[in-house]
Amino acid sequence: MRTDLYALCFIISAGFLAVLLFMIRGRKLREQYALLWLALGAAMMGLSLFPRLIDKLAHLAGVHYAPSLLYLLGLAFVLFILLHLTIAVSSLTRQVIALTQTLALMEQHRLMEAESAAGRWRPGPFDTPGAAMAEAWRETETPR
């Protein structure tokens, strides 16, 4: 490869790292997700500075065609990021479910207090643990 192509690859990888740092600084990308991207940028910069490194790595790994090792590493990186993001989405889904349930309970409690203050609310069998039993007990004690 020509030297100017290596310089172009280095400029692109340096620009990629600069954009990442700008996004982290502007709080558009969280640090926990940025580490993987920073590692990719550093690897891109290292391979553009030392182009024979991929040939040596391919020889050590027993790969006959060095660019195929680059594709394999790229695929592994994409799968790793996909797994990382899937774990993050799963965690966020659990948090959304818990927050939705908490909000529903708080809204139900607020409505019960408002109706109780207006005198329109009577406890049902599922409102409090002992409410159904107390209601049934009162009905058996009252004369008919």
N, C-alpha and C. Protein backbone atom coordinates (compact mmCIF):
# COMPACT_ATOMS: atom_id res chain seq x y z
N MET A 1 0.84 -1.18 0.00
CA MET A 1 0.00 0.00 0.00
C MET A 1 0.88 1.24 0.00
N ARG A 2 0.31 2.29 -0.48
CA ARG A 2 1.06 3.53 -0.54
C ARG A 2 1.02 4.25 0.80
N THR A 3 2.04 5.08 1.03
CA THR A 3 2.17 5.81 2.29
C THR A 3 1.03 6.81 2.47
N ASP A 4 0.57 7.44 1.41
CA ASP A 4 -0.51 8.42 1.55
C ASP A 4 -1.82 7.75 1.95
N LEU A 5 -2.00 6.48 1.57
CA LEU A 5 -3.20 5.75 2.00
C LEU A 5 -3.15 5.46 3.50
N TYR A 6 -1.97 5.14 4.01
CA TYR A 6 -1.82 4.93 5.45
C TYR A 6 -2.08 6.23 6.21
N ALA A 7 -1.61 7.33 5.65
CA ALA A 7 -1.85 8.63 6.28
C ALA A 7 -3.34 8.95 6.29
N LEU A 8 -4.04 8.62 5.21
CA LEU A 8 -5.48 8.84 5.16
C LEU A 8 -6.21 7.99 6.20
N CYS A 9 -5.81 6.74 6.33
CA CYS A 9 -6.40 5.85 7.36
C CYS A 9 -6.14 6.40 8.75
N PHE A 10 -4.96 6.94 8.99
CA PHE A 10 -4.64 7.52 10.29
C PHE A 10 -5.51 8.75 10.55
N ILE A 11 -5.69 9.59 9.56
CA ILE A 11 -6.52 10.80 9.72
C ILE A 11 -7.98 10.41 10.00
N ILE A 12 -8.46 9.40 9.30
CA ILE A 12 -9.83 8.95 9.53
C ILE A 12 -10.00 8.40 10.94
N SER A 13 -9.05 7.59 11.40
CA SER A 13 -9.16 7.03 12.75
C SER A 13 -9.00 8.12 13.82
N ALA A 14 -8.13 9.10 13.58
CA ALA A 14 -7.99 10.22 14.52
C ALA A 14 -9.28 11.04 14.56
N GLY A 15 -9.90 11.25 13.40
CA GLY A 15 -11.18 11.95 13.36
C GLY A 15 -12.27 11.19 14.08
N PHE A 16 -12.27 9.86 13.92
CA PHE A 16 -13.23 9.01 14.63
C PHE A 16 -13.07 9.16 16.14
N LEU A 17 -11.84 9.12 16.63
CA LEU A 17 -11.59 9.30 18.06
C LEU A 17 -11.99 10.69 18.52
N ALA A 18 -11.73 11.71 17.71
CA ALA A 18 -12.11 13.07 18.09
C ALA A 18 -13.62 13.21 18.20
N VAL A 19 -14.36 12.61 17.26
CA VAL A 19 -15.82 12.66 17.32
C VAL A 19 -16.33 11.94 18.56
N LEU A 20 -15.73 10.80 18.88
CA LEU A 20 -16.12 10.07 20.09
C LEU A 20 -15.89 10.90 21.34
N LEU A 21 -14.73 11.51 21.44
CA LEU A 21 -14.44 12.33 22.62
C LEU A 21 -15.38 13.53 22.70
N PHE A 22 -15.71 14.13 21.56
CA PHE A 22 -16.66 15.24 21.54
C PHE A 22 -18.04 14.78 22.00
N MET A 23 -18.47 13.59 21.58
CA MET A 23 -19.76 13.07 21.99
C MET A 23 -19.78 12.73 23.48
N ILE A 24 -18.68 12.21 24.00
CA ILE A 24 -18.60 11.91 25.43
C ILE A 24 -18.64 13.20 26.24
N ARG A 25 -17.89 14.18 25.79
CA ARG A 25 -17.84 15.45 26.49
C ARG A 25 -19.19 16.16 26.47
N GLY A 26 -19.93 16.04 25.36
CA GLY A 26 -21.24 16.64 25.24
C GLY A 26 -22.35 15.79 25.85
N ARG A 27 -21.99 14.70 26.50
CA ARG A 27 -22.92 13.79 27.15
C ARG A 27 -23.94 13.17 26.19
N LYS A 28 -23.55 13.00 24.95
CA LYS A 28 -24.39 12.30 23.99
C LYS A 28 -24.08 10.82 23.96
N LEU A 29 -22.94 10.45 24.51
CA LEU A 29 -22.53 9.06 24.59
C LEU A 29 -21.97 8.81 25.98
N ARG A 30 -22.56 7.84 26.66
CA ARG A 30 -22.11 7.54 28.03
C ARG A 30 -20.77 6.82 28.00
N GLU A 31 -20.03 7.00 29.08
CA GLU A 31 -18.68 6.43 29.16
C GLU A 31 -18.69 4.91 29.09
N GLN A 32 -19.71 4.30 29.71
CA GLN A 32 -19.73 2.83 29.73
C GLN A 32 -19.90 2.24 28.33
N TYR A 33 -20.56 2.94 27.43
CA TYR A 33 -20.69 2.46 26.06
C TYR A 33 -19.53 2.93 25.19
N ALA A 34 -18.92 4.02 25.57
CA ALA A 34 -17.86 4.62 24.76
C ALA A 34 -16.56 3.82 24.83
N LEU A 35 -16.36 3.04 25.86
CA LEU A 35 -15.11 2.29 25.99
C LEU A 35 -14.88 1.35 24.81
N LEU A 36 -15.94 0.69 24.38
CA LEU A 36 -15.80 -0.22 23.23
C LEU A 36 -15.44 0.55 21.97
N TRP A 37 -16.07 1.69 21.77
CA TRP A 37 -15.79 2.49 20.58
C TRP A 37 -14.40 3.10 20.64
N LEU A 38 -13.98 3.51 21.83
CA LEU A 38 -12.62 4.04 21.97
C LEU A 38 -11.58 2.96 21.68
N ALA A 39 -11.87 1.74 22.10
CA ALA A 39 -10.96 0.62 21.80
C ALA A 39 -10.89 0.38 20.29
N LEU A 40 -12.03 0.48 19.61
CA LEU A 40 -12.03 0.33 18.16
C LEU A 40 -11.22 1.44 17.50
N GLY A 41 -11.38 2.67 17.95
CA GLY A 41 -10.63 3.79 17.39
C GLY A 41 -9.13 3.63 17.60
N ALA A 42 -8.76 3.17 18.79
CA ALA A 42 -7.34 2.96 19.07
C ALA A 42 -6.78 1.83 18.20
N ALA A 43 -7.56 0.78 18.00
CA ALA A 43 -7.11 -0.31 17.13
C ALA A 43 -6.97 0.16 15.69
N MET A 44 -7.91 0.97 15.24
CA MET A 44 -7.81 1.52 13.87
C MET A 44 -6.56 2.39 13.73
N MET A 45 -6.30 3.19 14.74
CA MET A 45 -5.13 4.07 14.68
C MET A 45 -3.84 3.24 14.71
N GLY A 46 -3.81 2.21 15.55
CA GLY A 46 -2.62 1.36 15.63
C GLY A 46 -2.35 0.62 14.34
N LEU A 47 -3.41 0.12 13.70
CA LEU A 47 -3.23 -0.60 12.43
C LEU A 47 -2.84 0.35 11.30
N SER A 48 -3.28 1.60 11.37
CA SER A 48 -2.88 2.54 10.32
C SER A 48 -1.44 3.02 10.51
N LEU A 49 -0.97 3.04 11.77
CA LEU A 49 0.42 3.43 12.02
C LEU A 49 1.39 2.28 11.74
N PHE A 50 0.96 1.06 12.06
CA PHE A 50 1.81 -0.12 11.88
C PHE A 50 1.08 -1.13 11.00
N PRO A 51 1.09 -0.93 9.68
CA PRO A 51 0.30 -1.79 8.78
C PRO A 51 0.78 -3.24 8.74
N ARG A 52 2.02 -3.49 9.05
CA ARG A 52 2.53 -4.87 9.01
C ARG A 52 2.07 -5.68 10.24
N LEU A 53 1.47 -4.99 11.19
CA LEU A 53 0.99 -5.67 12.40
C LEU A 53 -0.10 -6.68 12.07
N ILE A 54 -0.99 -6.35 11.15
CA ILE A 54 -2.05 -7.28 10.78
C ILE A 54 -1.48 -8.52 10.09
N ASP A 55 -0.39 -8.34 9.33
CA ASP A 55 0.25 -9.50 8.69
C ASP A 55 0.88 -10.41 9.74
N LYS A 56 1.52 -9.82 10.73
CA LYS A 56 2.13 -10.63 11.81
C LYS A 56 1.05 -11.34 12.63
N LEU A 57 -0.05 -10.65 12.92
CA LEU A 57 -1.14 -11.28 13.67
C LEU A 57 -1.77 -12.42 12.87
N ALA A 58 -1.92 -12.23 11.57
CA ALA A 58 -2.47 -13.28 10.72
C ALA A 58 -1.54 -14.49 10.68
N HIS A 59 -0.24 -14.24 10.61
CA HIS A 59 0.72 -15.33 10.60
C HIS A 59 0.68 -16.10 11.92
N LEU A 60 0.59 -15.37 13.05
CA LEU A 60 0.51 -16.03 14.36
C LEU A 60 -0.78 -16.83 14.52
N ALA A 61 -1.87 -16.34 13.93
CA ALA A 61 -3.15 -17.04 14.05
C ALA A 61 -3.30 -18.16 13.03
N GLY A 62 -2.37 -18.24 12.09
CA GLY A 62 -2.44 -19.29 11.08
C GLY A 62 -3.37 -18.95 9.92
N VAL A 63 -3.64 -17.67 9.74
CA VAL A 63 -4.51 -17.23 8.65
C VAL A 63 -3.61 -16.89 7.46
N HIS A 64 -3.96 -17.43 6.29
CA HIS A 64 -3.10 -17.23 5.12
C HIS A 64 -3.33 -15.89 4.43
N TYR A 65 -4.53 -15.36 4.53
CA TYR A 65 -4.85 -14.09 3.87
C TYR A 65 -5.18 -13.07 4.96
N ALA A 66 -4.29 -12.13 5.18
CA ALA A 66 -4.39 -11.20 6.30
C ALA A 66 -5.69 -10.39 6.33
N PRO A 67 -6.23 -9.90 5.21
CA PRO A 67 -7.49 -9.14 5.29
C PRO A 67 -8.66 -9.96 5.83
N SER A 68 -8.62 -11.29 5.65
CA SER A 68 -9.71 -12.10 6.21
C SER A 68 -9.67 -12.08 7.73
N LEU A 69 -8.49 -11.96 8.32
CA LEU A 69 -8.40 -11.82 9.77
C LEU A 69 -9.01 -10.50 10.21
N LEU A 70 -8.82 -9.46 9.41
CA LEU A 70 -9.41 -8.16 9.71
C LEU A 70 -10.94 -8.25 9.70
N TYR A 71 -11.50 -8.96 8.72
CA TYR A 71 -12.95 -9.16 8.67
C TYR A 71 -13.43 -9.96 9.88
N LEU A 72 -12.70 -10.99 10.25
CA LEU A 72 -13.07 -11.80 11.41
C LEU A 72 -13.06 -10.96 12.69
N LEU A 73 -12.03 -10.14 12.86
CA LEU A 73 -11.96 -9.28 14.04
C LEU A 73 -13.09 -8.25 14.04
N GLY A 74 -13.41 -7.73 12.87
CA GLY A 74 -14.53 -6.78 12.77
C GLY A 74 -15.85 -7.42 13.12
N LEU A 75 -16.08 -8.64 12.64
CA LEU A 75 -17.30 -9.36 12.96
C LEU A 75 -17.38 -9.66 14.45
N ALA A 76 -16.27 -10.08 15.04
CA ALA A 76 -16.25 -10.35 16.48
C ALA A 76 -16.55 -9.08 17.28
N PHE A 77 -16.00 -7.96 16.84
CA PHE A 77 -16.27 -6.70 17.52
C PHE A 77 -17.74 -6.32 17.43
N VAL A 78 -18.35 -6.48 16.26
CA VAL A 78 -19.76 -6.15 16.09
C VAL A 78 -20.63 -7.07 16.96
N LEU A 79 -20.30 -8.34 17.03
CA LEU A 79 -21.05 -9.26 17.88
C LEU A 79 -20.90 -8.90 19.36
N PHE A 80 -19.71 -8.47 19.75
CA PHE A 80 -19.49 -8.07 21.14
C PHE A 80 -20.31 -6.83 21.48
N ILE A 81 -20.35 -5.87 20.58
CA ILE A 81 -21.16 -4.66 20.82
C ILE A 81 -22.64 -5.02 20.84
N LEU A 82 -23.06 -5.91 19.97
CA LEU A 82 -24.46 -6.34 19.95
C LEU A 82 -24.84 -7.01 21.27
N LEU A 83 -24.00 -7.86 21.78
CA LEU A 83 -24.26 -8.49 23.07
C LEU A 83 -24.31 -7.45 24.19
N HIS A 84 -23.39 -6.52 24.19
CA HIS A 84 -23.34 -5.48 25.22
C HIS A 84 -24.62 -4.64 25.19
N LEU A 85 -25.07 -4.26 24.00
CA LEU A 85 -26.28 -3.44 23.90
C LEU A 85 -27.53 -4.23 24.24
N THR A 86 -27.55 -5.52 23.94
CA THR A 86 -28.69 -6.37 24.31
C THR A 86 -28.81 -6.47 25.83
N ILE A 87 -27.68 -6.61 26.50
CA ILE A 87 -27.70 -6.63 27.97
C ILE A 87 -28.22 -5.31 28.52
N ALA A 88 -27.80 -4.19 27.93
CA ALA A 88 -28.26 -2.88 28.40
C ALA A 88 -29.76 -2.72 28.17
N VAL A 89 -30.27 -3.16 27.01
CA VAL A 89 -31.70 -3.05 26.73
C VAL A 89 -32.50 -3.93 27.68
N SER A 90 -32.01 -5.11 27.99
CA SER A 90 -32.70 -5.99 28.94
C SER A 90 -32.79 -5.36 30.32
N SER A 91 -31.72 -4.76 30.75
CA SER A 91 -31.72 -4.08 32.04
C SER A 91 -32.69 -2.91 32.05
N LEU A 92 -32.70 -2.14 30.98
CA LEU A 92 -33.63 -1.00 30.90
C LEU A 92 -35.08 -1.46 30.84
N THR A 93 -35.34 -2.58 30.19
CA THR A 93 -36.70 -3.11 30.14
C THR A 93 -37.19 -3.48 31.53
N ARG A 94 -36.34 -4.13 32.32
CA ARG A 94 -36.71 -4.46 33.70
C ARG A 94 -37.00 -3.20 34.50
N GLN A 95 -36.19 -2.17 34.32
CA GLN A 95 -36.40 -0.92 35.05
C GLN A 95 -37.70 -0.24 34.64
N VAL A 96 -38.03 -0.26 33.35
CA VAL A 96 -39.27 0.35 32.87
C VAL A 96 -40.48 -0.38 33.45
N ILE A 97 -40.43 -1.70 33.49
CA ILE A 97 -41.54 -2.47 34.05
C ILE A 97 -41.72 -2.13 35.53
N ALA A 98 -40.63 -2.09 36.28
CA ALA A 98 -40.72 -1.77 37.70
C ALA A 98 -41.24 -0.35 37.91
N LEU A 99 -40.78 0.60 37.14
CA LEU A 99 -41.25 1.98 37.28
C LEU A 99 -42.72 2.11 36.89
N THR A 100 -43.16 1.41 35.86
CA THR A 100 -44.56 1.45 35.46
C THR A 100 -45.46 0.89 36.54
N GLN A 101 -45.05 -0.22 37.14
CA GLN A 101 -45.85 -0.81 38.22
C GLN A 101 -45.89 0.12 39.43
N THR A 102 -44.77 0.72 39.78
CA THR A 102 -44.74 1.65 40.91
C THR A 102 -45.63 2.86 40.65
N LEU A 103 -45.57 3.38 39.45
CA LEU A 103 -46.40 4.53 39.09
C LEU A 103 -47.88 4.18 39.15
N ALA A 104 -48.26 2.99 38.68
CA ALA A 104 -49.65 2.57 38.73
C ALA A 104 -50.14 2.45 40.17
N LEU A 105 -49.31 1.89 41.04
CA LEU A 105 -49.69 1.78 42.45
C LEU A 105 -49.82 3.15 43.10
N MET A 106 -48.92 4.06 42.77
CA MET A 106 -49.00 5.41 43.34
C MET A 106 -50.25 6.14 42.84
N GLU A 107 -50.59 5.97 41.59
CA GLU A 107 -51.79 6.60 41.02
C GLU A 107 -53.04 6.03 41.66
N GLN A 108 -53.07 4.71 41.87
CA GLN A 108 -54.21 4.09 42.52
C GLN A 108 -54.35 4.60 43.95
N HIS A 109 -53.27 4.71 44.66
CA HIS A 109 -53.30 5.22 46.04
C HIS A 109 -53.78 6.68 46.06
N ARG A 110 -53.33 7.48 45.11
CA ARG A 110 -53.74 8.88 45.05
C ARG A 110 -55.24 8.99 44.77
N LEU A 111 -55.77 8.17 43.87
CA LEU A 111 -57.20 8.19 43.56
C LEU A 111 -58.03 7.73 44.76
N MET A 112 -57.55 6.71 45.46
CA MET A 112 -58.28 6.24 46.64
C MET A 112 -58.33 7.32 47.72
N GLU A 113 -57.23 8.04 47.91
CA GLU A 113 -57.22 9.12 48.90
C GLU A 113 -58.15 10.26 48.49
N ALA A 114 -58.18 10.58 47.19
CA ALA A 114 -59.05 11.66 46.72
C ALA A 114 -60.52 11.28 46.88
N GLU A 115 -60.87 10.05 46.54
CA GLU A 115 -62.26 9.61 46.68
C GLU A 115 -62.65 9.48 48.15
N SER A 116 -61.70 9.08 48.97
CA SER A 116 -61.98 8.97 50.40
C SER A 116 -62.23 10.34 51.01
N ALA A 117 -61.46 11.32 50.58
CA ALA A 117 -61.64 12.69 51.09
C ALA A 117 -62.98 13.26 50.63
N ALA A 118 -63.47 12.86 49.46
CA ALA A 118 -64.74 13.35 48.95
C ALA A 118 -65.90 12.54 49.51
N GLY A 119 -65.63 11.46 50.19
CA GLY A 119 -66.67 10.63 50.79
C GLY A 119 -67.33 9.69 49.80
N ARG A 120 -66.73 9.44 48.67
CA ARG A 120 -67.33 8.58 47.66
C ARG A 120 -66.72 7.18 47.63
N TRP A 121 -65.76 6.93 48.43
CA TRP A 121 -65.02 5.66 48.31
C TRP A 121 -65.33 4.75 49.48
N ARG A 122 -65.64 3.52 49.17
CA ARG A 122 -65.78 2.48 50.19
C ARG A 122 -64.76 1.40 49.87
N PRO A 123 -64.07 0.92 50.86
CA PRO A 123 -63.04 -0.10 50.58
C PRO A 123 -63.66 -1.35 49.99
N GLY A 124 -63.02 -1.86 48.95
CA GLY A 124 -63.44 -3.10 48.32
C GLY A 124 -62.67 -4.26 48.93
N PRO A 125 -62.94 -5.47 48.45
CA PRO A 125 -62.29 -6.65 49.04
C PRO A 125 -60.78 -6.71 48.81
N PHE A 126 -60.28 -6.00 47.83
CA PHE A 126 -58.86 -6.09 47.53
C PHE A 126 -58.09 -4.81 47.87
N ASP A 127 -58.71 -3.86 48.50
CA ASP A 127 -58.04 -2.60 48.78
C ASP A 127 -57.04 -2.71 49.92
N THR A 128 -57.44 -3.36 51.01
CA THR A 128 -56.52 -3.59 52.13
C THR A 128 -56.65 -5.05 52.53
N PRO A 129 -55.65 -5.61 53.16
CA PRO A 129 -55.69 -7.04 53.47
C PRO A 129 -56.87 -7.45 54.35
N GLY A 130 -57.22 -6.67 55.34
CA GLY A 130 -58.30 -7.05 56.25
C GLY A 130 -59.62 -6.42 55.93
N ALA A 131 -59.73 -5.65 54.88
CA ALA A 131 -60.96 -4.92 54.58
C ALA A 131 -62.12 -5.86 54.26
N ALA A 132 -61.89 -6.88 53.50
CA ALA A 132 -62.96 -7.81 53.13
C ALA A 132 -63.47 -8.55 54.35
N MET A 133 -62.57 -8.96 55.22
CA MET A 133 -62.99 -9.68 56.42
C MET A 133 -63.77 -8.76 57.36
N ALA A 134 -63.32 -7.52 57.51
CA ALA A 134 -64.02 -6.57 58.38
C ALA A 134 -65.41 -6.27 57.83
N GLU A 135 -65.54 -6.13 56.54
CA GLU A 135 -66.84 -5.86 55.90
C GLU A 135 -67.78 -7.05 56.12
N ALA A 136 -67.27 -8.26 55.92
CA ALA A 136 -68.09 -9.45 56.12
C ALA A 136 -68.49 -9.59 57.58
N TRP A 137 -67.64 -9.26 58.50
CA TRP A 137 -67.93 -9.35 59.92
C TRP A 137 -69.03 -8.35 60.31
N ARG A 138 -68.94 -7.14 59.78
CA ARG A 138 -69.97 -6.14 60.09
C ARG A 138 -71.31 -6.56 59.55
N GLU A 139 -71.35 -7.17 58.39
CA GLU A 139 -72.63 -7.59 57.81
C GLU A 139 -73.27 -8.71 58.62
N THR A 140 -72.50 -9.57 59.22
CA THR A 140 -73.08 -10.66 60.03
C THR A 140 -73.57 -10.17 61.37
N GLU A 141 -73.01 -9.08 61.90
CA GLU A 141 -73.41 -8.57 63.21
C GLU A 141 -74.65 -7.68 63.15
N THR A 142 -74.92 -7.06 62.03
CA THR A 142 -76.06 -6.16 61.96
C THR A 142 -77.38 -6.95 61.90
N PRO A 143 -78.36 -6.55 62.70
CA PRO A 143 -79.66 -7.27 62.65
C PRO A 143 -80.40 -6.99 61.36
N ARG A 144 -81.16 -7.96 60.91
CA ARG A 144 -81.89 -7.79 59.65
C ARG A 144 -83.34 -7.64 59.90
